[in-house]
Amino acid sequence: MAGGGEMPQIALAYQHQPDYAPESFRSPTNAPLRKLTVDLIKTYRKINEVRIIMYVYVYVYVYVFVCVCVCLCLCVCMYVCVYD
């Protein structure tokens, strides 16, 4: 009798489980691995853009600094030559 009493419970358990075959599949662009890959590529692209911008800023600052130093040296040399 114990075996006969369990059958309806097992049948009920199977009735409440979801279907394993989905009616529609998700688009490949929403797949987790693809999304992670795309996000990683975007992150590295942004890092490279920031790095390039920093190189340009450093180059400009160094160029300006060198120009100012050269101008100061020339001014000092002219002053020394004129007033010496």
N, C-alpha and C. Protein backbone atom coordinates (compact mmCIF):
# COMPACT_ATOMS: atom_id res chain seq x y z
N MET A 1 0.81 -1.20 0.00
CA MET A 1 0.00 0.00 0.00
C MET A 1 0.86 1.26 0.00
N ALA A 2 2.05 1.18 0.64
CA ALA A 2 2.91 2.36 0.70
C ALA A 2 3.36 2.75 -0.70
N GLY A 3 3.66 1.76 -1.52
CA GLY A 3 4.09 2.06 -2.88
C GLY A 3 2.98 2.70 -3.69
N GLY A 4 1.73 2.26 -3.49
CA GLY A 4 0.61 2.82 -4.23
C GLY A 4 0.29 4.24 -3.81
N GLY A 5 0.56 4.58 -2.53
CA GLY A 5 0.28 5.92 -2.04
C GLY A 5 1.27 6.95 -2.56
N GLU A 6 2.48 6.53 -2.95
CA GLU A 6 3.50 7.47 -3.42
C GLU A 6 3.31 7.84 -4.88
N MET A 7 2.65 7.05 -5.63
CA MET A 7 2.50 7.31 -7.06
C MET A 7 1.84 8.66 -7.36
N PRO A 8 0.74 8.99 -6.69
CA PRO A 8 0.14 10.30 -7.00
C PRO A 8 1.07 11.46 -6.64
N GLN A 9 1.87 11.31 -5.57
CA GLN A 9 2.79 12.39 -5.19
C GLN A 9 3.87 12.56 -6.24
N ILE A 10 4.39 11.48 -6.76
CA ILE A 10 5.41 11.56 -7.80
C ILE A 10 4.81 12.18 -9.06
N ALA A 11 3.62 11.77 -9.41
CA ALA A 11 2.97 12.32 -10.59
C ALA A 11 2.74 13.83 -10.42
N LEU A 12 2.35 14.26 -9.22
CA LEU A 12 2.16 15.68 -8.96
C LEU A 12 3.49 16.44 -9.05
N ALA A 13 4.57 15.83 -8.58
CA ALA A 13 5.88 16.48 -8.64
C ALA A 13 6.28 16.71 -10.10
N TYR A 14 6.02 15.77 -10.97
CA TYR A 14 6.36 15.93 -12.38
C TYR A 14 5.46 16.96 -13.06
N GLN A 15 4.25 17.09 -12.60
CA GLN A 15 3.35 18.08 -13.21
C GLN A 15 3.79 19.51 -12.92
N HIS A 16 4.44 19.74 -11.78
CA HIS A 16 4.82 21.10 -11.39
C HIS A 16 6.18 21.52 -11.95
N GLN A 17 6.92 20.62 -12.55
CA GLN A 17 8.22 20.99 -13.09
C GLN A 17 8.05 21.72 -14.42
N PRO A 18 8.89 22.72 -14.67
CA PRO A 18 8.77 23.46 -15.94
C PRO A 18 9.23 22.62 -17.11
N ASP A 19 8.76 22.98 -18.28
CA ASP A 19 9.20 22.30 -19.49
C ASP A 19 10.66 22.63 -19.73
N TYR A 20 11.42 21.66 -20.17
CA TYR A 20 12.84 21.89 -20.39
C TYR A 20 13.14 22.46 -21.76
N ALA A 21 12.25 22.33 -22.69
CA ALA A 21 12.45 22.89 -24.02
C ALA A 21 11.77 24.27 -24.07
N PRO A 22 12.55 25.35 -24.09
CA PRO A 22 11.92 26.67 -24.12
C PRO A 22 11.24 26.93 -25.46
N GLU A 23 10.21 27.75 -25.40
CA GLU A 23 9.48 28.08 -26.63
C GLU A 23 10.31 28.97 -27.54
N SER A 24 11.13 29.83 -26.94
CA SER A 24 12.00 30.69 -27.75
C SER A 24 13.37 30.73 -27.10
N PHE A 25 14.38 30.81 -27.93
CA PHE A 25 15.74 30.87 -27.43
C PHE A 25 16.19 32.32 -27.36
N ARG A 26 17.12 32.61 -26.46
CA ARG A 26 17.61 33.99 -26.37
C ARG A 26 18.52 34.29 -27.55
N SER A 27 18.62 35.55 -27.84
CA SER A 27 19.46 35.97 -28.96
C SER A 27 20.92 35.75 -28.58
N PRO A 28 21.77 35.42 -29.55
CA PRO A 28 23.19 35.19 -29.24
C PRO A 28 23.89 36.43 -28.67
N THR A 29 23.38 37.62 -28.96
CA THR A 29 24.00 38.83 -28.44
C THR A 29 23.78 38.98 -26.94
N ASN A 30 22.80 38.28 -26.39
CA ASN A 30 22.53 38.34 -24.96
C ASN A 30 23.17 37.19 -24.19
N ALA A 31 23.93 36.36 -24.85
CA ALA A 31 24.58 35.24 -24.19
C ALA A 31 25.62 35.79 -23.20
N PRO A 32 25.72 35.20 -22.02
CA PRO A 32 26.62 35.75 -20.99
C PRO A 32 28.07 35.85 -21.43
N LEU A 33 28.60 34.82 -22.07
CA LEU A 33 30.00 34.85 -22.49
C LEU A 33 30.25 35.95 -23.52
N ARG A 34 29.32 36.10 -24.44
CA ARG A 34 29.48 37.14 -25.46
C ARG A 34 29.40 38.53 -24.84
N LYS A 35 28.47 38.71 -23.90
CA LYS A 35 28.34 40.01 -23.25
C LYS A 35 29.60 40.34 -22.46
N LEU A 36 30.15 39.35 -21.76
CA LEU A 36 31.39 39.58 -21.01
C LEU A 36 32.53 39.93 -21.95
N THR A 37 32.62 39.23 -23.07
CA THR A 37 33.68 39.49 -24.03
C THR A 37 33.56 40.90 -24.61
N VAL A 38 32.35 41.27 -24.98
CA VAL A 38 32.13 42.61 -25.55
C VAL A 38 32.46 43.68 -24.51
N ASP A 39 32.03 43.47 -23.27
CA ASP A 39 32.32 44.44 -22.22
C ASP A 39 33.82 44.52 -21.95
N LEU A 40 34.51 43.41 -22.00
CA LEU A 40 35.95 43.40 -21.79
C LEU A 40 36.67 44.16 -22.90
N ILE A 41 36.23 43.96 -24.13
CA ILE A 41 36.81 44.68 -25.27
C ILE A 41 36.58 46.18 -25.11
N LYS A 42 35.38 46.58 -24.70
CA LYS A 42 35.08 48.00 -24.50
C LYS A 42 35.96 48.58 -23.40
N THR A 43 36.18 47.81 -22.33
CA THR A 43 37.01 48.28 -21.23
C THR A 43 38.44 48.51 -21.70
N TYR A 44 39.02 47.55 -22.43
CA TYR A 44 40.38 47.72 -22.91
C TYR A 44 40.48 48.86 -23.92
N ARG A 45 39.46 49.05 -24.73
CA ARG A 45 39.46 50.16 -25.68
C ARG A 45 39.50 51.50 -24.92
N LYS A 46 38.70 51.60 -23.86
CA LYS A 46 38.68 52.82 -23.06
C LYS A 46 40.02 53.05 -22.37
N ILE A 47 40.63 51.97 -21.85
CA ILE A 47 41.95 52.10 -21.22
C ILE A 47 42.96 52.62 -22.22
N ASN A 48 42.94 52.10 -23.44
CA ASN A 48 43.88 52.55 -24.47
C ASN A 48 43.64 54.01 -24.85
N GLU A 49 42.37 54.41 -24.93
CA GLU A 49 42.07 55.80 -25.25
C GLU A 49 42.62 56.73 -24.17
N VAL A 50 42.41 56.37 -22.92
CA VAL A 50 42.89 57.19 -21.81
C VAL A 50 44.42 57.24 -21.82
N ARG A 51 45.04 56.11 -22.10
CA ARG A 51 46.50 56.05 -22.14
C ARG A 51 47.05 56.96 -23.24
N ILE A 52 46.43 56.94 -24.41
CA ILE A 52 46.87 57.80 -25.51
C ILE A 52 46.69 59.27 -25.15
N ILE A 53 45.58 59.60 -24.54
CA ILE A 53 45.35 60.99 -24.12
C ILE A 53 46.39 61.42 -23.10
N MET A 54 46.73 60.54 -22.18
CA MET A 54 47.75 60.87 -21.18
C MET A 54 49.11 61.09 -21.84
N TYR A 55 49.46 60.26 -22.82
CA TYR A 55 50.72 60.45 -23.53
C TYR A 55 50.75 61.80 -24.23
N VAL A 56 49.65 62.18 -24.83
CA VAL A 56 49.59 63.48 -25.52
C VAL A 56 49.77 64.61 -24.51
N TYR A 57 49.08 64.53 -23.37
CA TYR A 57 49.22 65.57 -22.35
C TYR A 57 50.65 65.66 -21.85
N VAL A 58 51.26 64.53 -21.57
CA VAL A 58 52.64 64.52 -21.08
C VAL A 58 53.56 65.12 -22.14
N TYR A 59 53.38 64.74 -23.39
CA TYR A 59 54.21 65.27 -24.47
C TYR A 59 54.07 66.79 -24.55
N VAL A 60 52.85 67.29 -24.49
CA VAL A 60 52.62 68.74 -24.58
C VAL A 60 53.24 69.44 -23.38
N TYR A 61 53.06 68.91 -22.18
CA TYR A 61 53.63 69.55 -20.99
C TYR A 61 55.16 69.57 -21.05
N VAL A 62 55.76 68.48 -21.48
CA VAL A 62 57.22 68.43 -21.60
C VAL A 62 57.68 69.42 -22.65
N TYR A 63 56.99 69.48 -23.76
CA TYR A 63 57.35 70.42 -24.83
C TYR A 63 57.28 71.87 -24.33
N VAL A 64 56.22 72.19 -23.63
CA VAL A 64 56.06 73.56 -23.10
C VAL A 64 57.15 73.84 -22.06
N PHE A 65 57.43 72.88 -21.21
CA PHE A 65 58.46 73.06 -20.20
C PHE A 65 59.82 73.32 -20.84
N VAL A 66 60.16 72.55 -21.85
CA VAL A 66 61.44 72.73 -22.54
C VAL A 66 61.48 74.10 -23.21
N CYS A 67 60.39 74.50 -23.83
CA CYS A 67 60.36 75.82 -24.49
C CYS A 67 60.55 76.94 -23.47
N VAL A 68 59.93 76.83 -22.33
CA VAL A 68 60.06 77.84 -21.28
C VAL A 68 61.50 77.88 -20.77
N CYS A 69 62.09 76.72 -20.57
CA CYS A 69 63.48 76.66 -20.11
C CYS A 69 64.42 77.29 -21.13
N VAL A 70 64.22 76.99 -22.38
CA VAL A 70 65.07 77.57 -23.44
C VAL A 70 64.89 79.10 -23.47
N CYS A 71 63.67 79.55 -23.36
CA CYS A 71 63.43 81.00 -23.35
C CYS A 71 64.10 81.66 -22.15
N LEU A 72 64.01 81.04 -21.00
CA LEU A 72 64.65 81.60 -19.81
C LEU A 72 66.17 81.64 -19.96
N CYS A 73 66.71 80.57 -20.52
CA CYS A 73 68.16 80.54 -20.74
C CYS A 73 68.58 81.63 -21.70
N LEU A 74 67.82 81.80 -22.75
CA LEU A 74 68.15 82.86 -23.72
C LEU A 74 68.04 84.24 -23.08
N CYS A 75 67.04 84.42 -22.26
CA CYS A 75 66.87 85.72 -21.58
C CYS A 75 68.04 85.97 -20.64
N VAL A 76 68.44 84.97 -19.91
CA VAL A 76 69.57 85.12 -18.99
C VAL A 76 70.84 85.41 -19.78
N CYS A 77 71.05 84.69 -20.85
CA CYS A 77 72.25 84.91 -21.69
C CYS A 77 72.26 86.33 -22.27
N MET A 78 71.13 86.79 -22.73
CA MET A 78 71.06 88.15 -23.29
C MET A 78 71.31 89.19 -22.20
N TYR A 79 70.76 88.95 -21.04
CA TYR A 79 70.95 89.88 -19.92
C TYR A 79 72.44 89.96 -19.55
N VAL A 80 73.07 88.79 -19.48
CA VAL A 80 74.48 88.74 -19.11
C VAL A 80 75.32 89.43 -20.19
N CYS A 81 74.99 89.20 -21.44
CA CYS A 81 75.75 89.80 -22.54
C CYS A 81 75.57 91.33 -22.57
N VAL A 82 74.41 91.80 -22.32
CA VAL A 82 74.12 93.22 -22.40
C VAL A 82 74.71 93.96 -21.21
N TYR A 83 74.53 93.43 -20.03
CA TYR A 83 74.93 94.14 -18.82
C TYR A 83 76.28 93.69 -18.28
N ASP A 84 77.03 92.95 -19.01
CA ASP A 84 78.31 92.48 -18.51
C ASP A 84 79.42 93.38 -18.92
